[in-house]
Amino acid sequence: MSSLIKYIGLFPLNTNLPAFRIAKPSLLKSLVFYLFSGTTFATILSGDIVNSLLETSLNMTILVIIILGLIIVEKEWSSFNQLLTTVVICENLFLVLDIGAEGMEYFLEATSYDHYVSILGLILFICNFIFITYILKNAFNFNLIKTLVLGLLYFSATDGVPLMLLG
């Protein structure tokens, strides 16, 4: 846990991924938490736990394939564990915030404040997009346009493909 706190503390200040190595158990714990929190969030939205588990598993598989593809194309073999852990931790952060926003929606649905949850959801999506593109930009030193296109492709693949397949 202390390495996670140290890692998150260094995240906004570095121009590249931190120099220290992340242990494989951190990656595995992050992936398990991603599976749990993603399934929880999708179940809150759909009410179907089996479909939610399948959707989250597909999201996680696509996420790993995208990161692996970027690592292969850019020949940055040594940073796969770091990059995947960073992206998964970022996704976990926003999944937890999304679960909280859905909880707010439950309490505000019959009030005049229910539209604030939609605005909060949009803000969370934009922040998630910014964080992921920032991570990719700093991991590979891409220019801004390439990073934005890559970020759009990332979110289209991780969010759009499961929706199209599982509809």
Foldseek 3Di string as FASTA:
>chain_A
DVVVVVQVVCVVVDLARDPDDDDVVLLVVLLVLQLVLQLVLVCLVPVDSVLSSVLSVQLLVLLLVLLVVVCVVLVVVVCSSVLSSQLSVLSSVLSVVSVVLSVVLVVPVPDPCNVVSVVVVVVSVVVSLVSNLSNVCSHRVDDPVVSNVSSVVSCCNSPVPSVVVSD
